[in-house]
Amino acid sequence: MGWSTIPKVITGVKALSKIKGGKSISDWKNKASLSKLKTAGDAAVQRIKETAKSLNKLNETLKKQKKILDK
């Protein structure tokens, strides 16, 4: 069995051609950008939650200070 007995199925492949059922480059780029946007949105929500928690702590501290000063 040598190379001469194997039938030649693939005669050539075009550069940057899309394989049947595969995604195009623009599809991959769209998916990547959507993923980045989701990640950025999640990070923003997390920062807002942390800021709210810090502001609540500050509010409690200020209330305690006001009680001390009013005495």
PDB file of N, CA and C in Angstrom:
ATOM      1  N   MET A   1       0.835  -1.192   0.000  1.00  0.00           N
ATOM      2  CA  MET A   1       0.000   0.000   0.000  1.00  0.00           C
ATOM      3  C   MET A   1       0.873   1.247   0.000  1.00  0.00           C
ATOM      4  N   GLY A   2       0.881   1.928  -1.041  1.00  0.00           N
ATOM      5  CA  GLY A   2       1.645   3.163  -1.143  1.00  0.00           C
ATOM      6  C   GLY A   2       0.716   4.341  -1.364  1.00  0.00           C
ATOM      7  N   TRP A   3       1.305   5.439  -1.578  1.00  0.00           N
ATOM      8  CA  TRP A   3       0.529   6.667  -1.799  1.00  0.00           C
ATOM      9  C   TRP A   3      -0.268   6.604  -3.099  1.00  0.00           C
ATOM     10  N   SER A   4       0.150   5.822  -3.995  1.00  0.00           N
ATOM     11  CA  SER A   4      -0.525   5.776  -5.290  1.00  0.00           C
ATOM     12  C   SER A   4      -1.882   5.074  -5.210  1.00  0.00           C
ATOM     13  N   THR A   5      -2.106   4.236  -4.178  1.00  0.00           N
ATOM     14  CA  THR A   5      -3.374   3.518  -4.078  1.00  0.00           C
ATOM     15  C   THR A   5      -4.442   4.296  -3.318  1.00  0.00           C
ATOM     16  N   ILE A   6      -4.048   5.368  -2.618  1.00  0.00           N
ATOM     17  CA  ILE A   6      -5.025   6.164  -1.871  1.00  0.00           C
ATOM     18  C   ILE A   6      -5.664   7.166  -2.833  1.00  0.00           C
ATOM     19  N   PRO A   7      -7.002   7.147  -2.919  1.00  0.00           N
ATOM     20  CA  PRO A   7      -7.664   8.089  -3.832  1.00  0.00           C
ATOM     21  C   PRO A   7      -7.503   9.538  -3.357  1.00  0.00           C
ATOM     22  N   LYS A   8      -7.400  10.415  -4.305  1.00  0.00           N
ATOM     23  CA  LYS A   8      -7.261  11.834  -3.973  1.00  0.00           C
ATOM     24  C   LYS A   8      -8.646  12.440  -3.816  1.00  0.00           C
ATOM     25  N   VAL A   9      -9.026  12.696  -2.582  1.00  0.00           N
ATOM     26  CA  VAL A   9     -10.355  13.232  -2.295  1.00  0.00           C
ATOM     27  C   VAL A   9     -10.310  14.756  -2.284  1.00  0.00           C
ATOM     28  N   ILE A  10      -9.367  15.308  -1.567  1.00  0.00           N
ATOM     29  CA  ILE A  10      -9.253  16.758  -1.481  1.00  0.00           C
ATOM     30  C   ILE A  10      -8.234  17.207  -2.508  1.00  0.00           C
ATOM     31  N   THR A  11      -8.705  17.973  -3.461  1.00  0.00           N
ATOM     32  CA  THR A  11      -7.803  18.438  -4.506  1.00  0.00           C
ATOM     33  C   THR A  11      -7.239  19.816  -4.196  1.00  0.00           C
ATOM     34  N   GLY A  12      -7.938  20.571  -3.360  1.00  0.00           N
ATOM     35  CA  GLY A  12      -7.444  21.897  -3.009  1.00  0.00           C
ATOM     36  C   GLY A  12      -8.371  22.572  -2.019  1.00  0.00           C
ATOM     37  N   VAL A  13      -7.813  23.465  -1.248  1.00  0.00           N
ATOM     38  CA  VAL A  13      -8.596  24.224  -0.271  1.00  0.00           C
ATOM     39  C   VAL A  13      -8.297  25.699  -0.507  1.00  0.00           C
ATOM     40  N   LYS A  14      -9.351  26.480  -0.634  1.00  0.00           N
ATOM     41  CA  LYS A  14      -9.169  27.908  -0.821  1.00  0.00           C
ATOM     42  C   LYS A  14      -8.793  28.548   0.511  1.00  0.00           C
ATOM     43  N   ALA A  15      -7.915  29.501   0.464  1.00  0.00           N
ATOM     44  CA  ALA A  15      -7.503  30.213   1.680  1.00  0.00           C
ATOM     45  C   ALA A  15      -8.684  30.993   2.235  1.00  0.00           C
ATOM     46  N   LEU A  16      -8.834  30.957   3.550  1.00  0.00           N
ATOM     47  CA  LEU A  16      -9.893  31.676   4.273  1.00  0.00           C
ATOM     48  C   LEU A  16     -11.301  31.299   3.827  1.00  0.00           C
ATOM     49  N   SER A  17     -11.476  30.084   3.314  1.00  0.00           N
ATOM     50  CA  SER A  17     -12.805  29.651   2.909  1.00  0.00           C
ATOM     51  C   SER A  17     -13.555  29.098   4.110  1.00  0.00           C
ATOM     52  N   LYS A  18     -14.852  29.243   4.076  1.00  0.00           N
ATOM     53  CA  LYS A  18     -15.702  28.774   5.164  1.00  0.00           C
ATOM     54  C   LYS A  18     -16.081  27.318   4.916  1.00  0.00           C
ATOM     55  N   ILE A  19     -15.859  26.479   5.914  1.00  0.00           N
ATOM     56  CA  ILE A  19     -16.235  25.072   5.811  1.00  0.00           C
ATOM     57  C   ILE A  19     -17.729  24.975   6.087  1.00  0.00           C
ATOM     58  N   LYS A  20     -18.403  24.084   5.413  1.00  0.00           N
ATOM     59  CA  LYS A  20     -19.844  23.936   5.571  1.00  0.00           C
ATOM     60  C   LYS A  20     -20.193  23.703   7.044  1.00  0.00           C
ATOM     61  N   GLY A  21     -21.111  24.519   7.558  1.00  0.00           N
ATOM     62  CA  GLY A  21     -21.526  24.400   8.948  1.00  0.00           C
ATOM     63  C   GLY A  21     -20.647  25.192   9.902  1.00  0.00           C
ATOM     64  N   GLY A  22     -19.558  25.745   9.422  1.00  0.00           N
ATOM     65  CA  GLY A  22     -18.655  26.527  10.262  1.00  0.00           C
ATOM     66  C   GLY A  22     -19.101  27.972  10.339  1.00  0.00           C
ATOM     67  N   LYS A  23     -18.521  28.700  11.268  1.00  0.00           N
ATOM     68  CA  LYS A  23     -18.871  30.106  11.437  1.00  0.00           C
ATOM     69  C   LYS A  23     -17.885  30.974  10.665  1.00  0.00           C
ATOM     70  N   SER A  24     -18.388  32.061  10.153  1.00  0.00           N
ATOM     71  CA  SER A  24     -17.513  32.979   9.438  1.00  0.00           C
ATOM     72  C   SER A  24     -16.747  33.831  10.454  1.00  0.00           C
ATOM     73  N   ILE A  25     -15.765  34.553   9.969  1.00  0.00           N
ATOM     74  CA  ILE A  25     -14.955  35.390  10.853  1.00  0.00           C
ATOM     75  C   ILE A  25     -15.810  36.460  11.512  1.00  0.00           C
ATOM     76  N   SER A  26     -16.739  37.037  10.768  1.00  0.00           N
ATOM     77  CA  SER A  26     -17.602  38.069  11.349  1.00  0.00           C
ATOM     78  C   SER A  26     -18.494  37.484  12.448  1.00  0.00           C
ATOM     79  N   ASP A  27     -18.931  36.238  12.280  1.00  0.00           N
ATOM     80  CA  ASP A  27     -19.716  35.591  13.336  1.00  0.00           C
ATOM     81  C   ASP A  27     -18.888  35.443  14.610  1.00  0.00           C
ATOM     82  N   TRP A  28     -17.626  35.020  14.464  1.00  0.00           N
ATOM     83  CA  TRP A  28     -16.756  34.874  15.635  1.00  0.00           C
ATOM     84  C   TRP A  28     -16.499  36.218  16.293  1.00  0.00           C
ATOM     85  N   LYS A  29     -16.282  37.260  15.496  1.00  0.00           N
ATOM     86  CA  LYS A  29     -16.029  38.589  16.052  1.00  0.00           C
ATOM     87  C   LYS A  29     -17.253  39.113  16.783  1.00  0.00           C
ATOM     88  N   ASN A  30     -18.443  38.887  16.207  1.00  0.00           N
ATOM     89  CA  ASN A  30     -19.678  39.323  16.867  1.00  0.00           C
ATOM     90  C   ASN A  30     -19.862  38.610  18.199  1.00  0.00           C
ATOM     91  N   LYS A  31     -19.584  37.327  18.213  1.00  0.00           N
ATOM     92  CA  LYS A  31     -19.731  36.550  19.447  1.00  0.00           C
ATOM     93  C   LYS A  31     -18.736  37.027  20.505  1.00  0.00           C
ATOM     94  N   ALA A  32     -17.510  37.326  20.090  1.00  0.00           N
ATOM     95  CA  ALA A  32     -16.492  37.794  21.023  1.00  0.00           C
ATOM     96  C   ALA A  32     -16.851  39.167  21.581  1.00  0.00           C
ATOM     97  N   SER A  33     -17.346  40.057  20.735  1.00  0.00           N
ATOM     98  CA  SER A  33     -17.708  41.390  21.219  1.00  0.00           C
ATOM     99  C   SER A  33     -18.908  41.326  22.160  1.00  0.00           C
ATOM    100  N   LEU A  34     -19.855  40.446  21.881  1.00  0.00           N
ATOM    101  CA  LEU A  34     -21.002  40.283  22.767  1.00  0.00           C
ATOM    102  C   LEU A  34     -20.550  39.765  24.126  1.00  0.00           C
ATOM    103  N   SER A  35     -19.611  38.837  24.124  1.00  0.00           N
ATOM    104  CA  SER A  35     -19.076  38.296  25.368  1.00  0.00           C
ATOM    105  C   SER A  35     -18.365  39.387  26.170  1.00  0.00           C
ATOM    106  N   LYS A  36     -17.598  40.241  25.477  1.00  0.00           N
ATOM    107  CA  LYS A  36     -16.912  41.343  26.162  1.00  0.00           C
ATOM    108  C   LYS A  36     -17.913  42.311  26.775  1.00  0.00           C
ATOM    109  N   LEU A  37     -18.993  42.596  26.052  1.00  0.00           N
ATOM    110  CA  LEU A  37     -20.013  43.501  26.574  1.00  0.00           C
ATOM    111  C   LEU A  37     -20.695  42.915  27.812  1.00  0.00           C
ATOM    112  N   LYS A  38     -20.984  41.634  27.773  1.00  0.00           N
ATOM    113  CA  LYS A  38     -21.601  40.983  28.930  1.00  0.00           C
ATOM    114  C   LYS A  38     -20.685  41.042  30.145  1.00  0.00           C
ATOM    115  N   THR A  39     -19.402  40.780  29.921  1.00  0.00           N
ATOM    116  CA  THR A  39     -18.426  40.809  31.005  1.00  0.00           C
ATOM    117  C   THR A  39     -18.317  42.212  31.588  1.00  0.00           C
ATOM    118  N   ALA A  40     -18.272  43.209  30.720  1.00  0.00           N
ATOM    119  CA  ALA A  40     -18.189  44.597  31.183  1.00  0.00           C
ATOM    120  C   ALA A  40     -19.443  44.980  31.955  1.00  0.00           C
ATOM    121  N   GLY A  41     -20.599  44.531  31.488  1.00  0.00           N
ATOM    122  CA  GLY A  41     -21.858  44.814  32.187  1.00  0.00           C
ATOM    123  C   GLY A  41     -21.887  44.177  33.564  1.00  0.00           C
ATOM    124  N   ASP A  42     -21.430  42.928  33.649  1.00  0.00           N
ATOM    125  CA  ASP A  42     -21.390  42.245  34.944  1.00  0.00           C
ATOM    126  C   ASP A  42     -20.434  42.940  35.905  1.00  0.00           C
ATOM    127  N   ALA A  43     -19.297  43.394  35.383  1.00  0.00           N
ATOM    128  CA  ALA A  43     -18.323  44.097  36.215  1.00  0.00           C
ATOM    129  C   ALA A  43     -18.911  45.414  36.724  1.00  0.00           C
ATOM    130  N   ALA A  44     -19.650  46.106  35.872  1.00  0.00           N
ATOM    131  CA  ALA A  44     -20.271  47.373  36.274  1.00  0.00           C
ATOM    132  C   ALA A  44     -21.311  47.144  37.366  1.00  0.00           C
ATOM    133  N   VAL A  45     -22.099  46.108  37.228  1.00  0.00           N
ATOM    134  CA  VAL A  45     -23.115  45.788  38.243  1.00  0.00           C
ATOM    135  C   VAL A  45     -22.438  45.480  39.581  1.00  0.00           C
ATOM    136  N   GLN A  46     -21.346  44.730  39.522  1.00  0.00           N
ATOM    137  CA  GLN A  46     -20.604  44.385  40.743  1.00  0.00           C
ATOM    138  C   GLN A  46     -20.059  45.638  41.416  1.00  0.00           C
ATOM    139  N   ARG A  47     -19.505  46.571  40.614  1.00  0.00           N
ATOM    140  CA  ARG A  47     -18.980  47.821  41.172  1.00  0.00           C
ATOM    141  C   ARG A  47     -20.093  48.639  41.811  1.00  0.00           C
ATOM    142  N   ILE A  48     -21.263  48.661  41.200  1.00  0.00           N
ATOM    143  CA  ILE A  48     -22.390  49.418  41.751  1.00  0.00           C
ATOM    144  C   ILE A  48     -22.814  48.822  43.086  1.00  0.00           C
ATOM    145  N   LYS A  49     -22.847  47.494  43.182  1.00  0.00           N
ATOM    146  CA  LYS A  49     -23.211  46.843  44.441  1.00  0.00           C
ATOM    147  C   LYS A  49     -22.205  47.175  45.539  1.00  0.00           C
ATOM    148  N   GLU A  50     -20.905  47.139  45.207  1.00  0.00           N
ATOM    149  CA  GLU A  50     -19.872  47.454  46.192  1.00  0.00           C
ATOM    150  C   GLU A  50     -19.975  48.916  46.636  1.00  0.00           C
ATOM    151  N   THR A  51     -20.257  49.808  45.697  1.00  0.00           N
ATOM    152  CA  THR A  51     -20.405  51.226  46.024  1.00  0.00           C
ATOM    153  C   THR A  51     -21.608  51.441  46.929  1.00  0.00           C
ATOM    154  N   ALA A  52     -22.701  50.759  46.652  1.00  0.00           N
ATOM    155  CA  ALA A  52     -23.893  50.880  47.486  1.00  0.00           C
ATOM    156  C   ALA A  52     -23.609  50.400  48.900  1.00  0.00           C
ATOM    157  N   LYS A  53     -22.866  49.303  49.017  1.00  0.00           N
ATOM    158  CA  LYS A  53     -22.522  48.777  50.334  1.00  0.00           C
ATOM    159  C   LYS A  53     -21.665  49.792  51.102  1.00  0.00           C
ATOM    160  N   SER A  54     -20.695  50.395  50.419  1.00  0.00           N
ATOM    161  CA  SER A  54     -19.826  51.391  51.051  1.00  0.00           C
ATOM    162  C   SER A  54     -20.617  52.614  51.470  1.00  0.00           C
ATOM    163  N   LEU A  55     -21.540  53.044  50.641  1.00  0.00           N
ATOM    164  CA  LEU A  55     -22.361  54.207  50.985  1.00  0.00           C
ATOM    165  C   LEU A  55     -23.272  53.915  52.181  1.00  0.00           C
ATOM    166  N   ASN A  56     -23.777  52.700  52.268  1.00  0.00           N
ATOM    167  CA  ASN A  56     -24.601  52.340  53.431  1.00  0.00           C
ATOM    168  C   ASN A  56     -23.775  52.375  54.713  1.00  0.00           C
ATOM    169  N   LYS A  57     -22.540  51.883  54.661  1.00  0.00           N
ATOM    170  CA  LYS A  57     -21.656  51.930  55.826  1.00  0.00           C
ATOM    171  C   LYS A  57     -21.368  53.372  56.218  1.00  0.00           C
ATOM    172  N   LEU A  58     -21.101  54.225  55.230  1.00  0.00           N
ATOM    173  CA  LEU A  58     -20.838  55.637  55.486  1.00  0.00           C
ATOM    174  C   LEU A  58     -22.058  56.298  56.110  1.00  0.00           C
ATOM    175  N   ASN A  59     -23.234  55.971  55.626  1.00  0.00           N
ATOM    176  CA  ASN A  59     -24.469  56.534  56.155  1.00  0.00           C
ATOM    177  C   ASN A  59     -24.653  56.144  57.623  1.00  0.00           C
ATOM    178  N   GLU A  60     -24.384  54.889  57.959  1.00  0.00           N
ATOM    179  CA  GLU A  60     -24.500  54.442  59.354  1.00  0.00           C
ATOM    180  C   GLU A  60     -23.493  55.169  60.246  1.00  0.00           C
ATOM    181  N   THR A  61     -22.291  55.335  59.746  1.00  0.00           N
ATOM    182  CA  THR A  61     -21.254  56.023  60.512  1.00  0.00           C
ATOM    183  C   THR A  61     -21.654  57.476  60.762  1.00  0.00           C
ATOM    184  N   LEU A  62     -22.175  58.120  59.752  1.00  0.00           N
ATOM    185  CA  LEU A  62     -22.594  59.519  59.906  1.00  0.00           C
ATOM    186  C   LEU A  62     -23.749  59.649  60.898  1.00  0.00           C
ATOM    187  N   LYS A  63     -24.660  58.699  60.877  1.00  0.00           N
ATOM    188  CA  LYS A  63     -25.766  58.722  61.843  1.00  0.00           C
ATOM    189  C   LYS A  63     -25.238  58.578  63.265  1.00  0.00           C
ATOM    190  N   LYS A  64     -24.257  57.684  63.479  1.00  0.00           N
ATOM    191  CA  LYS A  64     -23.661  57.496  64.802  1.00  0.00           C
ATOM    192  C   LYS A  64     -22.960  58.778  65.251  1.00  0.00           C
ATOM    193  N   GLN A  65     -22.213  59.412  64.326  1.00  0.00           N
ATOM    194  CA  GLN A  65     -21.521  60.657  64.650  1.00  0.00           C
ATOM    195  C   GLN A  65     -22.508  61.771  65.011  1.00  0.00           C
ATOM    196  N   LYS A  66     -23.628  61.828  64.303  1.00  0.00           N
ATOM    197  CA  LYS A  66     -24.636  62.847  64.587  1.00  0.00           C
ATOM    198  C   LYS A  66     -25.245  62.630  65.972  1.00  0.00           C
ATOM    199  N   LYS A  67     -25.480  61.359  66.351  1.00  0.00           N
ATOM    200  CA  LYS A  67     -26.014  61.063  67.683  1.00  0.00           C
ATOM    201  C   LYS A  67     -25.028  61.504  68.748  1.00  0.00           C
ATOM    202  N   ILE A  68     -23.747  61.273  68.503  1.00  0.00           N
ATOM    203  CA  ILE A  68     -22.704  61.650  69.480  1.00  0.00           C
ATOM    204  C   ILE A  68     -22.664  63.164  69.612  1.00  0.00           C
ATOM    205  N   LEU A  69     -22.740  63.881  68.529  1.00  0.00           N
ATOM    206  CA  LEU A  69     -22.666  65.340  68.546  1.00  0.00           C
ATOM    207  C   LEU A  69     -23.904  65.975  69.146  1.00  0.00           C
ATOM    208  N   ASP A  70     -25.064  65.334  69.019  1.00  0.00           N
ATOM    209  CA  ASP A  70     -26.322  65.883  69.546  1.00  0.00           C
ATOM    210  C   ASP A  70     -26.424  65.752  71.061  1.00  0.00           C
ATOM    211  N   LYS A  71     -25.622  64.897  71.677  1.00  0.00           N
ATOM    212  CA  LYS A  71     -25.692  64.713  73.122  1.00  0.00           C
ATOM    213  C   LYS A  71     -25.134  65.867  73.868  1.00  0.00           C
TER     214      LYS A  71
END
